[in-house]
Each structure stands twice: as structure tokens, then as C-alpha cells.
């Protein structure tokens, strides 16, 4: 996978170049030197967005009732009463 970086000006002047580059990997488009947008192919976008299951989906999976899970308790000093004065 190749990551390509283009300025907004380069992107506006040669959109087909950006589309061709997206075939090899993400294209980062910058505004004033800072990353602002990412161009992906639709296939890559769908792969990225569909691979993330929600916590509800993960908890509803069959066979999870057999997994022994005991989360650690939080320390009492992680919170303090609010000062409303």
C-alpha cells in the first residue's frame, strides 16, 4: 500500500492523478500543509467501514457465554467529588 500526499491545489488541478493514486492506497489531501481529507477507493472505504463491529454485535455473538471475563476494578482515586463553590 502506497500513501500519497497532495495539496488541495494539486488535487484540484489533477483529480485523475489523485484517483489513480487511490488505486494503490490512501491519498491524503492537505490544506496549508496540514492533512485535511483522505481519498479512498469505494472498495477500501467499504472494507474499512464494514470491518468494525459494534459492541452490541460483539456481545450478541454465539459462544461468548463461555468466555471468562472479569474486568479489573477501577481505583477509587480516579474520581473526586465536584467542587460546586
PDB file of N, CA and C in Angstrom:
ATOM      1  N   UNK A   1       0.845  -1.174   0.000  1.00  0.00           N
ATOM      2  CA  UNK A   1       0.000   0.000   0.000  1.00  0.00           C
ATOM      3  C   UNK A   1       0.893   1.241   0.000  1.00  0.00           C
ATOM      4  N   UNK A   2       0.592   2.147  -0.898  1.00  0.00           N
ATOM      5  CA  UNK A   2       1.331   3.392  -1.014  1.00  0.00           C
ATOM      6  C   UNK A   2       0.449   4.542  -0.550  1.00  0.00           C
ATOM      7  N   UNK A   3       0.966   5.367   0.332  1.00  0.00           N
ATOM      8  CA  UNK A   3       0.232   6.552   0.778  1.00  0.00           C
ATOM      9  C   UNK A   3       0.761   7.744  -0.003  1.00  0.00           C
ATOM     10  N   UNK A   4      -0.151   8.451  -0.654  1.00  0.00           N
ATOM     11  CA  UNK A   4       0.208   9.618  -1.465  1.00  0.00           C
ATOM     12  C   UNK A   4      -0.318  10.859  -0.783  1.00  0.00           C
ATOM     13  N   UNK A   5       0.456  11.928  -0.809  1.00  0.00           N
ATOM     14  CA  UNK A   5       0.026  13.203  -0.243  1.00  0.00           C
ATOM     15  C   UNK A   5      -0.009  14.241  -1.353  1.00  0.00           C
ATOM     16  N   UNK A   6      -1.138  14.935  -1.450  1.00  0.00           N
ATOM     17  CA  UNK A   6      -1.311  16.000  -2.436  1.00  0.00           C
ATOM     18  C   UNK A   6      -1.833  17.245  -1.736  1.00  0.00           C
ATOM     19  N   UNK A   7      -1.423  18.393  -2.207  1.00  0.00           N
ATOM     20  CA  UNK A   7      -2.000  19.626  -1.693  1.00  0.00           C
ATOM     21  C   UNK A   7      -3.387  19.804  -2.309  1.00  0.00           C
ATOM     22  N   UNK A   8      -4.185  20.660  -1.719  1.00  0.00           N
ATOM     23  CA  UNK A   8      -5.514  20.933  -2.271  1.00  0.00           C
ATOM     24  C   UNK A   8      -5.400  21.450  -3.703  1.00  0.00           C
ATOM     25  N   UNK A   9      -4.403  22.271  -3.947  1.00  0.00           N
ATOM     26  CA  UNK A   9      -4.197  22.819  -5.286  1.00  0.00           C
ATOM     27  C   UNK A   9      -3.887  21.715  -6.288  1.00  0.00           C
ATOM     28  N   UNK A  10      -2.963  20.809  -5.911  1.00  0.00           N
ATOM     29  CA  UNK A  10      -2.633  19.687  -6.802  1.00  0.00           C
ATOM     30  C   UNK A  10      -3.865  18.829  -7.066  1.00  0.00           C
ATOM     31  N   UNK A  11      -4.649  18.579  -6.023  1.00  0.00           N
ATOM     32  CA  UNK A  11      -5.858  17.777  -6.173  1.00  0.00           C
ATOM     33  C   UNK A  11      -6.836  18.437  -7.138  1.00  0.00           C
ATOM     34  N   UNK A  12      -7.047  19.743  -6.995  1.00  0.00           N
ATOM     35  CA  UNK A  12      -7.972  20.468  -7.869  1.00  0.00           C
ATOM     36  C   UNK A  12      -7.482  20.517  -9.315  1.00  0.00           C
ATOM     37  N   UNK A  13      -6.178  20.601  -9.506  1.00  0.00           N
ATOM     38  CA  UNK A  13      -5.632  20.706 -10.850  1.00  0.00           C
ATOM     39  C   UNK A  13      -5.551  19.355 -11.569  1.00  0.00           C
ATOM     40  N   UNK A  14      -5.450  18.261 -10.808  1.00  0.00           N
ATOM     41  CA  UNK A  14      -5.290  16.950 -11.442  1.00  0.00           C
ATOM     42  C   UNK A  14      -6.011  15.879 -10.624  1.00  0.00           C
ATOM     43  N   UNK A  15      -7.335  15.909 -10.685  1.00  0.00           N
ATOM     44  CA  UNK A  15      -8.149  14.960  -9.940  1.00  0.00           C
ATOM     45  C   UNK A  15      -7.913  13.531 -10.421  1.00  0.00           C
ATOM     46  N   UNK A  16      -7.707  13.348 -11.708  1.00  0.00           N
ATOM     47  CA  UNK A  16      -7.483  11.996 -12.218  1.00  0.00           C
ATOM     48  C   UNK A  16      -6.200  11.393 -11.648  1.00  0.00           C
ATOM     49  N   UNK A  17      -5.183  12.214 -11.399  1.00  0.00           N
ATOM     50  CA  UNK A  17      -3.948  11.741 -10.776  1.00  0.00           C
ATOM     51  C   UNK A  17      -4.251  11.211  -9.377  1.00  0.00           C
ATOM     52  N   UNK A  18      -5.096  11.925  -8.630  1.00  0.00           N
ATOM     53  CA  UNK A  18      -5.454  11.502  -7.283  1.00  0.00           C
ATOM     54  C   UNK A  18      -6.245  10.197  -7.322  1.00  0.00           C
ATOM     55  N   UNK A  19      -7.155  10.077  -8.276  1.00  0.00           N
ATOM     56  CA  UNK A  19      -7.953   8.857  -8.403  1.00  0.00           C
ATOM     57  C   UNK A  19      -7.062   7.663  -8.747  1.00  0.00           C
ATOM     58  N   UNK A  20      -6.102   7.863  -9.613  1.00  0.00           N
ATOM     59  CA  UNK A  20      -5.176   6.781  -9.968  1.00  0.00           C
ATOM     60  C   UNK A  20      -4.319   6.400  -8.759  1.00  0.00           C
ATOM     61  N   UNK A  21      -3.879   7.389  -8.007  1.00  0.00           N
ATOM     62  CA  UNK A  21      -3.059   7.119  -6.819  1.00  0.00           C
ATOM     63  C   UNK A  21      -3.856   6.370  -5.757  1.00  0.00           C
ATOM     64  N   UNK A  22      -5.163   6.626  -5.679  1.00  0.00           N
ATOM     65  CA  UNK A  22      -6.011   5.957  -4.691  1.00  0.00           C
ATOM     66  C   UNK A  22      -6.132   4.462  -4.976  1.00  0.00           C
ATOM     67  N   UNK A  23      -5.843   4.037  -6.195  1.00  0.00           N
ATOM     68  CA  UNK A  23      -5.863   2.610  -6.515  1.00  0.00           C
ATOM     69  C   UNK A  23      -4.752   1.861  -5.776  1.00  0.00           C
ATOM     70  N   UNK A  24      -3.685   2.567  -5.416  1.00  0.00           N
ATOM     71  CA  UNK A  24      -2.548   1.956  -4.722  1.00  0.00           C
ATOM     72  C   UNK A  24      -2.590   2.152  -3.220  1.00  0.00           C
ATOM     73  N   UNK A  25      -3.460   3.027  -2.747  1.00  0.00           N
ATOM     74  CA  UNK A  25      -3.543   3.297  -1.312  1.00  0.00           C
ATOM     75  C   UNK A  25      -4.192   4.638  -1.068  1.00  0.00           C
ATOM     76  N   UNK A  26      -4.330   5.022   0.193  1.00  0.00           N
ATOM     77  CA  UNK A  26      -4.999   6.280   0.518  1.00  0.00           C
ATOM     78  C   UNK A  26      -4.240   7.500  -0.007  1.00  0.00           C
ATOM     79  N   UNK A  27      -5.005   8.522  -0.358  1.00  0.00           N
ATOM     80  CA  UNK A  27      -4.434   9.793  -0.806  1.00  0.00           C
ATOM     81  C   UNK A  27      -4.798  10.841   0.240  1.00  0.00           C
ATOM     82  N   UNK A  28      -3.796  11.417   0.862  1.00  0.00           N
ATOM     83  CA  UNK A  28      -4.018  12.456   1.860  1.00  0.00           C
ATOM     84  C   UNK A  28      -3.975  13.799   1.152  1.00  0.00           C
ATOM     85  N   UNK A  29      -5.029  14.586   1.336  1.00  0.00           N
ATOM     86  CA  UNK A  29      -5.125  15.911   0.724  1.00  0.00           C
ATOM     87  C   UNK A  29      -4.929  16.938   1.822  1.00  0.00           C
ATOM     88  N   UNK A  30      -3.982  17.831   1.597  1.00  0.00           N
ATOM     89  CA  UNK A  30      -3.636  18.802   2.632  1.00  0.00           C
ATOM     90  C   UNK A  30      -4.189  20.194   2.313  1.00  0.00           C
ATOM     91  N   UNK A  31      -4.477  20.929   3.360  1.00  0.00           N
ATOM     92  CA  UNK A  31      -4.808  22.349   3.278  1.00  0.00           C
ATOM     93  C   UNK A  31      -3.759  23.095   4.081  1.00  0.00           C
ATOM     94  N   UNK A  32      -3.018  23.954   3.406  1.00  0.00           N
ATOM     95  CA  UNK A  32      -1.948  24.725   4.046  1.00  0.00           C
ATOM     96  C   UNK A  32      -0.963  23.838   4.788  1.00  0.00           C
ATOM     97  N   UNK A  33      -0.653  22.690   4.160  1.00  0.00           N
ATOM     98  CA  UNK A  33       0.351  21.793   4.715  1.00  0.00           C
ATOM     99  C   UNK A  33      -0.155  20.836   5.781  1.00  0.00           C
ATOM    100  N   UNK A  34      -1.411  20.933   6.162  1.00  0.00           N
ATOM    101  CA  UNK A  34      -1.956  20.053   7.196  1.00  0.00           C
ATOM    102  C   UNK A  34      -2.933  19.067   6.567  1.00  0.00           C
ATOM    103  N   UNK A  35      -2.881  17.795   6.960  1.00  0.00           N
ATOM    104  CA  UNK A  35      -3.831  16.813   6.420  1.00  0.00           C
ATOM    105  C   UNK A  35      -5.271  17.252   6.686  1.00  0.00           C
ATOM    106  N   UNK A  36      -6.103  17.225   5.645  1.00  0.00           N
ATOM    107  CA  UNK A  36      -7.489  17.676   5.787  1.00  0.00           C
ATOM    108  C   UNK A  36      -8.495  16.627   5.318  1.00  0.00           C
ATOM    109  N   UNK A  37      -8.140  15.843   4.301  1.00  0.00           N
ATOM    110  CA  UNK A  37      -9.060  14.866   3.733  1.00  0.00           C
ATOM    111  C   UNK A  37      -8.279  13.635   3.302  1.00  0.00           C
ATOM    112  N   UNK A  38      -9.010  12.518   3.157  1.00  0.00           N
ATOM    113  CA  UNK A  38      -8.401  11.289   2.655  1.00  0.00           C
ATOM    114  C   UNK A  38      -9.284  10.756   1.536  1.00  0.00           C
ATOM    115  N   UNK A  39      -8.677  10.423   0.426  1.00  0.00           N
ATOM    116  CA  UNK A  39      -9.387   9.849  -0.707  1.00  0.00           C
ATOM    117  C   UNK A  39      -9.102   8.349  -0.738  1.00  0.00           C
ATOM    118  N   UNK A  40     -10.186   7.543  -0.758  1.00  0.00           N
ATOM    119  CA  UNK A  40     -10.081   6.090  -0.823  1.00  0.00           C
ATOM    120  C   UNK A  40     -10.931   5.588  -1.979  1.00  0.00           C
ATOM    121  N   UNK A  41     -10.590   4.418  -2.490  1.00  0.00           N
ATOM    122  CA  UNK A  41     -11.486   3.775  -3.450  1.00  0.00           C
ATOM    123  C   UNK A  41     -12.716   3.310  -2.676  1.00  0.00           C
ATOM    124  N   UNK A  42     -13.819   3.084  -3.369  1.00  0.00           N
ATOM    125  CA  UNK A  42     -15.037   2.645  -2.703  1.00  0.00           C
ATOM    126  C   UNK A  42     -14.824   1.277  -2.059  1.00  0.00           C
ATOM    127  N   UNK A  43     -14.045   0.425  -2.686  1.00  0.00           N
ATOM    128  CA  UNK A  43     -13.770  -0.894  -2.128  1.00  0.00           C
ATOM    129  C   UNK A  43     -13.037  -0.774  -0.790  1.00  0.00           C
ATOM    130  N   UNK A  44     -12.036   0.087  -0.734  1.00  0.00           N
ATOM    131  CA  UNK A  44     -11.276   0.284   0.502  1.00  0.00           C
ATOM    132  C   UNK A  44     -12.156   0.924   1.575  1.00  0.00           C
ATOM    133  N   UNK A  45     -12.965   1.888   1.184  1.00  0.00           N
ATOM    134  CA  UNK A  45     -13.885   2.528   2.131  1.00  0.00           C
ATOM    135  C   UNK A  45     -14.843   1.500   2.732  1.00  0.00           C
ATOM    136  N   UNK A  46     -15.418   0.646   1.887  1.00  0.00           N
ATOM    137  CA  UNK A  46     -16.343  -0.371   2.379  1.00  0.00           C
ATOM    138  C   UNK A  46     -15.637  -1.377   3.271  1.00  0.00           C
ATOM    139  N   UNK A  47     -14.412  -1.722   2.933  1.00  0.00           N
ATOM    140  CA  UNK A  47     -13.650  -2.652   3.781  1.00  0.00           C
ATOM    141  C   UNK A  47     -13.410  -2.056   5.156  1.00  0.00           C
ATOM    142  N   UNK A  48     -13.036  -0.789   5.188  1.00  0.00           N
ATOM    143  CA  UNK A  48     -12.740  -0.126   6.456  1.00  0.00           C
ATOM    144  C   UNK A  48     -14.003   0.054   7.297  1.00  0.00           C
ATOM    145  N   UNK A  49     -15.092   0.469   6.685  1.00  0.00           N
ATOM    146  CA  UNK A  49     -16.295   0.758   7.459  1.00  0.00           C
ATOM    147  C   UNK A  49     -17.080  -0.484   7.840  1.00  0.00           C
ATOM    148  N   UNK A  50     -16.998  -1.551   7.057  1.00  0.00           N
ATOM    149  CA  UNK A  50     -17.763  -2.747   7.379  1.00  0.00           C
ATOM    150  C   UNK A  50     -17.025  -3.699   8.304  1.00  0.00           C
ATOM    151  N   UNK A  51     -15.753  -3.505   8.493  1.00  0.00           N
ATOM    152  CA  UNK A  51     -14.996  -4.415   9.341  1.00  0.00           C
ATOM    153  C   UNK A  51     -15.141  -4.087  10.821  1.00  0.00           C
ATOM    154  N   UNK A  52     -15.709  -2.954  11.149  1.00  0.00           N
ATOM    155  CA  UNK A  52     -15.835  -2.553  12.545  1.00  0.00           C
ATOM    156  C   UNK A  52     -17.195  -2.960  13.087  1.00  0.00           C
ATOM    157  N   UNK A  53     -17.209  -3.954  13.947  1.00  0.00           N
ATOM    158  CA  UNK A  53     -18.449  -4.396  14.562  1.00  0.00           C
ATOM    159  C   UNK A  53     -18.728  -3.553  15.809  1.00  0.00           C
ATOM    160  N   UNK A  54     -19.981  -3.325  16.082  1.00  0.00           N
ATOM    161  CA  UNK A  54     -20.336  -2.569  17.279  1.00  0.00           C
ATOM    162  C   UNK A  54     -20.232  -3.478  18.497  1.00  0.00           C
ATOM    163  N   UNK A  55     -20.189  -2.883  19.674  1.00  0.00           N
ATOM    164  CA  UNK A  55     -20.120  -3.659  20.905  1.00  0.00           C
ATOM    165  C   UNK A  55     -21.351  -4.542  21.058  1.00  0.00           C
ATOM    166  N   UNK A  56     -22.495  -4.068  20.579  1.00  0.00           N
ATOM    167  CA  UNK A  56     -23.723  -4.859  20.642  1.00  0.00           C
ATOM    168  C   UNK A  56     -23.581  -6.114  19.785  1.00  0.00           C
ATOM    169  N   UNK A  57     -23.040  -5.963  18.578  1.00  0.00           N
ATOM    170  CA  UNK A  57     -22.826  -7.119  17.704  1.00  0.00           C
ATOM    171  C   UNK A  57     -21.849  -8.112  18.333  1.00  0.00           C
ATOM    172  N   UNK A  58     -20.796  -7.602  18.931  1.00  0.00           N
ATOM    173  CA  UNK A  58     -19.807  -8.479  19.545  1.00  0.00           C
ATOM    174  C   UNK A  58     -20.383  -9.226  20.737  1.00  0.00           C
ATOM    175  N   UNK A  59     -21.200  -8.572  21.539  1.00  0.00           N
ATOM    176  CA  UNK A  59     -21.807  -9.225  22.694  1.00  0.00           C
ATOM    177  C   UNK A  59     -22.873 -10.236  22.288  1.00  0.00           C
ATOM    178  N   UNK A  60     -23.477 -10.058  21.121  1.00  0.00           N
ATOM    179  CA  UNK A  60     -24.534 -10.959  20.656  1.00  0.00           C
ATOM    180  C   UNK A  60     -23.984 -12.181  19.933  1.00  0.00           C
ATOM    181  N   UNK A  61     -22.681 -12.268  19.759  1.00  0.00           N
ATOM    182  CA  UNK A  61     -22.081 -13.404  19.058  1.00  0.00           C
ATOM    183  C   UNK A  61     -22.328 -14.695  19.830  1.00  0.00           C
ATOM    184  N   UNK A  62     -22.516 -15.778  19.113  1.00  0.00           N
ATOM    185  CA  UNK A  62     -22.705 -17.059  19.787  1.00  0.00           C
ATOM    186  C   UNK A  62     -21.370 -17.540  20.340  1.00  0.00           C
ATOM    187  N   UNK A  63     -21.435 -18.222  21.468  1.00  0.00           N
ATOM    188  CA  UNK A  63     -20.234 -18.773  22.080  1.00  0.00           C
ATOM    189  C   UNK A  63     -19.561 -17.851  23.073  1.00  0.00           C
ATOM    190  N   UNK A  64     -19.994 -16.606  23.178  1.00  0.00           N
ATOM    191  CA  UNK A  64     -19.324 -15.678  24.104  1.00  0.00           C
ATOM    192  C   UNK A  64     -19.664 -15.974  25.551  1.00  0.00           C
ATOM    193  N   UNK A  65     -20.758 -16.705  25.789  1.00  0.00           N
ATOM    194  CA  UNK A  65     -21.112 -17.024  27.171  1.00  0.00           C
ATOM    195  C   UNK A  65     -20.085 -17.943  27.813  1.00  0.00           C
ATOM    196  N   UNK A  66     -19.272 -18.588  27.013  1.00  0.00           N
ATOM    197  CA  UNK A  66     -18.246 -19.490  27.527  1.00  0.00           C
ATOM    198  C   UNK A  66     -16.939 -18.765  27.851  1.00  0.00           C
ATOM    199  N   UNK A  67     -16.837 -17.513  27.504  1.00  0.00           N
ATOM    200  CA  UNK A  67     -15.616 -16.746  27.752  1.00  0.00           C
ATOM    201  C   UNK A  67     -15.653 -16.197  29.167  1.00  0.00           C
ATOM    202  N   UNK A  68     -14.595 -16.459  29.923  1.00  0.00           N
ATOM    203  CA  UNK A  68     -14.489 -15.964  31.286  1.00  0.00           C
ATOM    204  C   UNK A  68     -13.882 -14.566  31.243  1.00  0.00           C
ATOM    205  N   UNK A  69     -14.661 -13.573  31.621  1.00  0.00           N
ATOM    206  CA  UNK A  69     -14.202 -12.183  31.542  1.00  0.00           C
ATOM    207  C   UNK A  69     -14.462 -11.494  32.875  1.00  0.00           C
ATOM    208  N   UNK A  70     -13.406 -11.058  33.508  1.00  0.00           N
ATOM    209  CA  UNK A  70     -13.523 -10.334  34.769  1.00  0.00           C
ATOM    210  C   UNK A  70     -12.730  -9.029  34.622  1.00  0.00           C
ATOM    211  N   UNK A  71     -13.424  -7.926  34.291  1.00  0.00           N
ATOM    212  CA  UNK A  71     -12.698  -6.669  34.098  1.00  0.00           C
ATOM    213  C   UNK A  71     -12.102  -6.181  35.414  1.00  0.00           C
ATOM    214  N   UNK A  72     -10.960  -5.514  35.344  1.00  0.00           N
ATOM    215  CA  UNK A  72     -10.346  -5.005  36.575  1.00  0.00           C
ATOM    216  C   UNK A  72     -11.177  -3.869  37.164  1.00  0.00           C
ATOM    217  N   UNK A  73     -11.178  -3.796  38.481  1.00  0.00           N
ATOM    218  CA  UNK A  73     -11.902  -2.723  39.158  1.00  0.00           C
ATOM    219  C   UNK A  73     -11.103  -1.433  39.053  1.00  0.00           C
ATOM    220  N   UNK A  74     -11.826  -0.330  38.928  1.00  0.00           N
ATOM    221  CA  UNK A  74     -11.167   0.975  38.885  1.00  0.00           C
ATOM    222  C   UNK A  74     -10.712   1.378  40.278  1.00  0.00           C
ATOM    223  N   UNK A  75      -9.622   2.090  40.327  1.00  0.00           N
ATOM    224  CA  UNK A  75      -9.143   2.596  41.602  1.00  0.00           C
ATOM    225  C   UNK A  75     -10.056   3.720  42.062  1.00  0.00           C
ATOM    226  N   UNK A  76     -10.237   3.826  43.354  1.00  0.00           N
ATOM    227  CA  UNK A  76     -11.139   4.832  43.916  1.00  0.00           C
ATOM    228  C   UNK A  76     -10.630   6.254  43.681  1.00  0.00           C
ATOM    229  N   UNK A  77      -9.341   6.423  43.472  1.00  0.00           N
ATOM    230  CA  UNK A  77      -8.803   7.774  43.318  1.00  0.00           C
ATOM    231  C   UNK A  77      -8.922   8.303  41.886  1.00  0.00           C
ATOM    232  N   UNK A  78      -9.611   7.579  41.014  1.00  0.00           N
ATOM    233  CA  UNK A  78      -9.799   8.051  39.644  1.00  0.00           C
ATOM    234  C   UNK A  78     -10.880   9.123  39.537  1.00  0.00           C
ATOM    235  N   UNK A  79     -11.652   9.286  40.564  1.00  0.00           N
ATOM    236  CA  UNK A  79     -12.698  10.303  40.550  1.00  0.00           C
ATOM    237  C   UNK A  79     -12.654  11.072  41.855  1.00  0.00           C
ATOM    238  N   UNK A  80     -13.237  12.233  41.857  1.00  0.00           N
ATOM    239  CA  UNK A  80     -13.344  13.049  43.074  1.00  0.00           C
ATOM    240  C   UNK A  80     -14.639  13.842  42.993  1.00  0.00           C
ATOM    241  N   UNK A  81     -15.178  14.201  44.127  1.00  0.00           N
ATOM    242  CA  UNK A  81     -16.434  14.967  44.131  1.00  0.00           C
ATOM    243  C   UNK A  81     -16.253  16.305  43.417  1.00  0.00           C
ATOM    244  N   UNK A  82     -17.299  16.759  42.779  1.00  0.00           N
ATOM    245  CA  UNK A  82     -17.259  18.039  42.068  1.00  0.00           C
ATOM    246  C   UNK A  82     -17.259  19.179  43.076  1.00  0.00           C
ATOM    247  N   UNK A  83     -16.459  20.178  42.801  1.00  0.00           N
ATOM    248  CA  UNK A  83     -16.434  21.396  43.625  1.00  0.00           C
ATOM    249  C   UNK A  83     -17.379  22.391  42.993  1.00  0.00           C
ATOM    250  N   UNK A  84     -18.546  22.584  43.606  1.00  0.00           N
ATOM    251  CA  UNK A  84     -19.578  23.460  43.049  1.00  0.00           C
ATOM    252  C   UNK A  84     -19.572  24.855  43.685  1.00  0.00           C
ATOM    253  N   UNK A  85     -18.509  25.183  44.392  1.00  0.00           N
ATOM    254  CA  UNK A  85     -18.479  26.518  45.020  1.00  0.00           C
ATOM    255  C   UNK A  85     -18.032  27.597  44.075  1.00  0.00           C
TER     256      UNK A  85
END
